[in-house]
Each structure stands twice: as C-alpha cells, then as structure tokens.
C-alpha cells in the first residue's frame, strides 16, 4: 500500500513548479491531529475517499500567499489571525486542485472534493483518517521567501 504514496521528491517538484520558487522538503513525524487545521479531501468518482492532505496553518498560508504573489507579510498576518482570509483560502483550494496529481498511484481517477479551511469545519471521520497511522507521508515543507510548515498526505488503507 505504501507504493500508493508519492515520493517526497514528487511533492517537492509539484509544489516548486506550481509556486515558481524553490521548495525543500524533509521527512517529519506525524503531527498531532489538532495541529492540522486545514484539510483537503480527495475522492474517487464513486465519492469513496481517495486521500487527504493536511496542512498546518503556517504552511497553508505560505503556499496560498506564494501562489497568489501575496507578500510574505500576508501569510504572517493569516497565522497571527489564526485563519486564512477568503482570498488565501481560494488560492489554497486552487493549489489543492493541482495536488490531485499526487494521488495518481492509486490507479483510479481522483478529484478534489472539499477543502476544510478551519479545524472546526473538519468532520470527525476526516480527522480520524488524518491522524491514523499507516499509509501516510509527513513532510516539513519550506517555501523559499515565505517559510515552512507541516504537510501530511494520507491514503486510506
């Protein structure tokens, strides 16, 4: 099942190409579930869960700001406020659409279903999948000029 996960290099190249800037990644321990307030849910055509990508708030803000050419201060303000602005949320949703390609190894068509932009909006079953041990890739991701954060990709067993 681990062969369904993308390699860290694929994550780095996808984000670097998308953001047009250097991105570095390093393997990380799985984060505590409550430290991941932003979760993208991906499904198969049958609406069966295909996978999840969780972002801590700093990484979500940094990626969203970088793709929208928002100065780094915009990402810092979102972290200070404890939430993404609607513009940064829209930017991150667009990024997540592209990240659908990271699930190509599942062998079935995958599409973005929903992006939960705050911890309070994440359904209990989604949160349980996000923190489950097993078929997952946890990375520390640094976006040049913006900053770093935690990225977790989970493919259900």
Protein backbone atom coordinates (compact mmCIF):
# COMPACT_ATOMS: atom_id res chain seq x y z
CA UNK A 1 0.00 0.00 0.00
CA UNK A 2 2.89 2.37 0.65
CA UNK A 3 3.54 2.23 -3.09
CA UNK A 4 0.39 4.39 -3.47
CA UNK A 5 2.18 7.29 -1.79
CA UNK A 6 4.10 9.87 -3.81
CA UNK A 7 7.82 10.19 -3.19
CA UNK A 8 8.90 13.30 -1.26
CA UNK A 9 10.68 14.40 -4.46
CA UNK A 10 7.35 14.38 -6.34
CA UNK A 11 5.79 16.60 -3.67
CA UNK A 12 8.75 18.99 -3.80
CA UNK A 13 8.77 19.19 -7.60
CA UNK A 14 4.99 19.63 -7.83
CA UNK A 15 4.98 22.49 -5.32
CA UNK A 16 8.14 24.09 -6.73
CA UNK A 17 6.78 24.02 -10.29
CA UNK A 18 3.40 25.33 -9.18
CA UNK A 19 4.72 28.14 -7.00
CA UNK A 20 7.60 29.09 -9.30
CA UNK A 21 10.07 29.11 -6.43
CA UNK A 22 12.38 26.78 -4.56
CA UNK A 23 10.68 24.36 -2.21
CA UNK A 24 12.52 21.99 0.11
CA UNK A 25 11.04 19.00 1.91
CA UNK A 26 12.19 16.73 4.72
CA UNK A 27 10.56 13.71 6.30
CA UNK A 28 8.72 14.57 9.50
CA UNK A 29 6.99 12.67 12.30
CA UNK A 30 3.19 12.54 12.02
CA UNK A 31 1.72 15.66 13.63
CA UNK A 32 -0.97 15.70 16.30
CA UNK A 33 -4.37 15.93 14.63
CA UNK A 34 -5.36 19.21 16.24
CA UNK A 35 -2.22 20.87 14.85
CA UNK A 36 -3.59 20.41 11.31
CA UNK A 37 -6.43 22.92 10.84
CA UNK A 38 -6.59 22.79 7.03
CA UNK A 39 -7.51 19.55 5.25
CA UNK A 40 -8.19 18.82 1.58
CA UNK A 41 -10.39 15.79 0.93
CA UNK A 42 -9.93 13.86 -2.32
CA UNK A 43 -12.40 11.27 -3.65
CA UNK A 44 -12.79 8.75 -6.45
CA UNK A 45 -15.63 9.09 -8.97
CA UNK A 46 -17.74 6.89 -6.68
CA UNK A 47 -17.16 9.51 -3.90
CA UNK A 48 -15.18 6.93 -1.92
CA UNK A 49 -12.34 8.56 0.00
CA UNK A 50 -9.14 8.56 -2.07
CA UNK A 51 -6.97 10.52 0.33
CA UNK A 52 -6.34 13.59 2.41
CA UNK A 53 -3.76 16.33 2.52
CA UNK A 54 -3.40 18.21 5.78
CA UNK A 55 -1.55 21.48 6.23
CA UNK A 56 -0.65 23.29 9.41
CA UNK A 57 -1.70 26.94 9.29
CA UNK A 58 1.78 28.36 8.53
CA UNK A 59 2.24 26.11 5.51
CA UNK A 60 -1.31 26.69 4.24
CA UNK A 61 -0.79 30.45 4.48
CA UNK A 62 2.68 30.35 2.92
CA UNK A 63 1.60 28.24 -0.06
CA UNK A 64 -1.57 30.30 -0.60
CA UNK A 65 0.36 33.57 -0.44
CA UNK A 66 3.15 32.33 -2.72
CA UNK A 67 0.76 31.14 -5.44
CA UNK A 68 -1.12 34.45 -5.33
CA UNK A 69 2.05 36.57 -5.25
CA UNK A 70 0.92 38.00 -1.90
CA UNK A 71 3.87 39.39 0.08
CA UNK A 72 5.09 37.14 2.91
CA UNK A 73 3.53 39.56 5.39
CA UNK A 74 0.11 38.41 4.16
CA UNK A 75 0.90 34.85 5.19
CA UNK A 76 2.29 36.04 8.53
CA UNK A 77 -0.90 38.04 9.17
CA UNK A 78 -3.05 34.97 8.50
CA UNK A 79 -1.03 32.95 11.01
CA UNK A 80 -1.34 35.76 13.59
CA UNK A 81 -5.12 35.90 12.95
CA UNK A 82 -5.36 32.13 13.29
CA UNK A 83 -7.15 31.69 9.95
CA UNK A 84 -6.81 32.11 6.22
CA UNK A 85 -8.50 35.07 4.56
CA UNK A 86 -11.06 34.18 1.90
CA UNK A 87 -8.53 35.09 -0.81
CA UNK A 88 -5.85 32.84 0.70
CA UNK A 89 -8.46 30.09 1.10
CA UNK A 90 -9.36 30.35 -2.58
CA UNK A 91 -5.67 30.29 -3.52
CA UNK A 92 -5.07 27.17 -1.43
CA UNK A 93 -8.08 25.45 -2.98
CA UNK A 94 -6.56 26.04 -6.42
CA UNK A 95 -3.27 24.55 -5.22
CA UNK A 96 -5.14 21.51 -3.88
CA UNK A 97 -6.75 21.00 -7.30
CA UNK A 98 -3.26 20.62 -8.76
CA UNK A 99 -2.14 18.39 -5.87
CA UNK A 100 -4.73 15.85 -7.02
CA UNK A 101 -1.91 14.52 -9.22
CA UNK A 102 -0.12 13.28 -6.09
CA UNK A 103 -2.76 10.55 -5.85
CA UNK A 104 -2.04 9.16 -9.33
CA UNK A 105 -0.54 5.96 -7.90
CA UNK A 106 -3.92 4.87 -6.51
CA UNK A 107 -4.76 3.67 -10.02
CA UNK A 108 -8.18 5.35 -10.15
CA UNK A 109 -9.33 8.81 -11.13
CA UNK A 110 -9.17 11.19 -8.16
CA UNK A 111 -10.71 14.64 -7.75
CA UNK A 112 -10.74 17.30 -5.08
CA UNK A 113 -13.95 17.07 -3.07
CA UNK A 114 -13.61 19.77 -0.41
CA UNK A 115 -11.06 21.89 1.41
CA UNK A 116 -11.80 22.46 5.09
CA UNK A 117 -10.15 25.77 5.95
CA UNK A 118 -10.56 25.68 9.72
CA UNK A 119 -10.20 22.96 12.34
CA UNK A 120 -13.81 23.40 13.46
CA UNK A 121 -15.08 22.53 9.98
CA UNK A 122 -13.26 19.19 9.74
CA UNK A 123 -15.66 16.26 10.19
CA UNK A 124 -14.76 13.71 12.86
CA UNK A 125 -14.29 10.87 10.34
CA UNK A 126 -11.93 13.01 8.25
CA UNK A 127 -9.94 13.97 11.36
CA UNK A 128 -9.71 10.27 12.34
CA UNK A 129 -8.31 9.35 8.90
CA UNK A 130 -5.86 12.25 9.05
CA UNK A 131 -4.30 11.07 12.31
CA UNK A 132 -4.38 7.32 11.55
CA UNK A 133 -1.03 5.62 11.42
CA UNK A 134 -0.18 3.63 8.33
CA UNK A 135 -0.28 4.72 4.72
CA UNK A 136 0.94 8.31 5.06
CA UNK A 137 3.68 10.74 4.09
CA UNK A 138 4.54 13.50 6.56
CA UNK A 139 6.87 16.28 5.48
CA UNK A 140 8.28 19.55 6.67
CA UNK A 141 7.95 21.85 3.66
CA UNK A 142 9.80 25.15 3.25
CA UNK A 143 8.71 27.65 0.59
CA UNK A 144 11.61 29.96 -0.29
CA UNK A 145 10.91 33.54 0.72
CA UNK A 146 7.86 32.58 2.78
CA UNK A 147 8.50 29.94 5.41
CA UNK A 148 7.82 26.38 6.42
CA UNK A 149 5.20 24.14 7.87
CA UNK A 150 3.85 20.63 8.04
CA UNK A 151 2.33 18.68 5.13
CA UNK A 152 0.61 15.31 5.64
CA UNK A 153 -0.68 13.14 2.82
CA UNK A 154 -2.79 10.14 3.79
CA UNK A 155 -4.15 7.36 1.56
CA UNK A 156 -6.71 5.22 3.42
CA UNK A 157 -5.84 1.55 3.89
